[in-house]
Amino acid sequence: MLADMHTAEAILMIKRNKGEDPQKYSTVCFEKLFTKYGVSRERFNMNLNYYKEDPEEFYKMYESVVQVLVNRQRFYAPGK
């Protein structure tokens, strides 16, 4: 889910850089992710706060998130 959240944030940043208002996409985008994963915004924030309190676990979790993002980047890289 975090990898998808980061991907969504990157898309919104690209829209902002193109002069579009990302706010009109933001709420819908993240709500769709919460629905996709069956998680409420509140539960997501609670889990994120839990991991922030345990830096070692947070790091372990983010290692897998980074690996997913790296794999996506390789898959979608230009020239593939």
Protein backbone atom coordinates (compact mmCIF):
# COMPACT_ATOMS: atom_id res chain seq x y z
CA MET A 1 0.00 0.00 0.00
CA LEU A 2 2.82 2.41 0.84
CA ALA A 3 4.40 1.85 -2.55
CA ASP A 4 1.08 2.74 -4.18
CA MET A 5 0.79 5.81 -1.94
CA HIS A 6 4.24 6.98 -3.01
CA THR A 7 3.40 6.35 -6.65
CA ALA A 8 0.20 8.40 -6.27
CA GLU A 9 2.14 11.22 -4.61
CA ALA A 10 4.64 11.20 -7.49
CA ILE A 11 1.82 11.44 -10.03
CA LEU A 12 0.30 14.35 -8.12
CA MET A 13 3.69 16.07 -8.02
CA ILE A 14 4.01 15.71 -11.79
CA LYS A 15 0.56 17.27 -12.20
CA ARG A 16 1.61 20.16 -9.92
CA ASN A 17 4.78 20.66 -11.94
CA LYS A 18 2.69 20.84 -15.10
CA GLY A 19 0.64 23.65 -13.58
CA GLU A 20 -2.40 21.52 -12.76
CA ASP A 21 -4.12 21.60 -9.40
CA PRO A 22 -3.33 18.23 -7.80
CA GLN A 23 -5.85 18.85 -5.02
CA LYS A 24 -8.75 17.97 -7.32
CA TYR A 25 -7.21 14.51 -7.84
CA SER A 26 -5.68 13.98 -4.42
CA THR A 27 -8.71 13.05 -2.34
CA VAL A 28 -10.18 10.71 -4.94
CA CYS A 29 -6.82 9.09 -5.59
CA PHE A 30 -6.07 8.29 -1.97
CA GLU A 31 -9.63 7.25 -1.16
CA LYS A 32 -9.42 4.72 -4.01
CA LEU A 33 -6.24 3.32 -2.48
CA PHE A 34 -7.85 3.03 0.94
CA THR A 35 -10.77 1.20 -0.65
CA LYS A 36 -8.47 -1.03 -2.72
CA TYR A 37 -6.65 -2.17 0.40
CA GLY A 38 -9.71 -2.20 2.69
CA VAL A 39 -8.12 0.28 5.07
CA SER A 40 -9.56 3.49 6.46
CA ARG A 41 -7.53 6.69 6.47
CA GLU A 42 -7.58 6.53 10.27
CA ARG A 43 -6.26 2.93 10.35
CA PHE A 44 -3.56 3.85 7.84
CA ASN A 45 -2.43 6.79 9.98
CA MET A 46 -2.50 4.66 13.15
CA ASN A 47 -0.29 2.04 11.50
CA LEU A 48 2.08 4.65 10.15
CA ASN A 49 2.36 6.23 13.60
CA TYR A 50 3.03 2.79 15.11
CA TYR A 51 5.97 2.26 12.77
CA LYS A 52 7.27 5.76 13.41
CA GLU A 53 7.54 4.84 17.09
CA ASP A 54 9.70 1.82 16.24
CA PRO A 55 12.41 3.06 13.86
CA GLU A 56 13.92 -0.39 13.41
CA GLU A 57 10.62 -1.90 12.25
CA PHE A 58 9.92 1.22 10.19
CA TYR A 59 13.23 0.77 8.39
CA LYS A 60 12.53 -2.94 7.74
CA MET A 61 9.11 -2.13 6.38
CA TYR A 62 10.43 0.64 4.15
CA GLU A 63 13.11 -1.62 2.71
CA SER A 64 10.33 -3.64 1.09
CA VAL A 65 8.52 -0.48 -0.05
CA VAL A 66 11.69 0.81 -1.69
CA GLN A 67 12.22 -2.55 -3.40
CA VAL A 68 8.71 -2.46 -4.87
CA LEU A 69 9.30 1.08 -6.14
CA VAL A 70 12.68 0.15 -7.64
CA ASN A 71 11.09 -2.82 -9.41
CA ARG A 72 8.34 -0.60 -10.79
CA GLN A 73 10.90 1.93 -11.98
CA ARG A 74 12.81 -0.79 -13.82
CA PHE A 75 9.64 -2.20 -15.36
CA TYR A 76 8.39 1.17 -16.59
CA ALA A 77 11.78 2.61 -17.53
CA PRO A 78 11.95 4.16 -21.00
CA GLY A 79 13.45 1.84 -23.58
CA LYS A 80 12.06 -1.30 -22.02
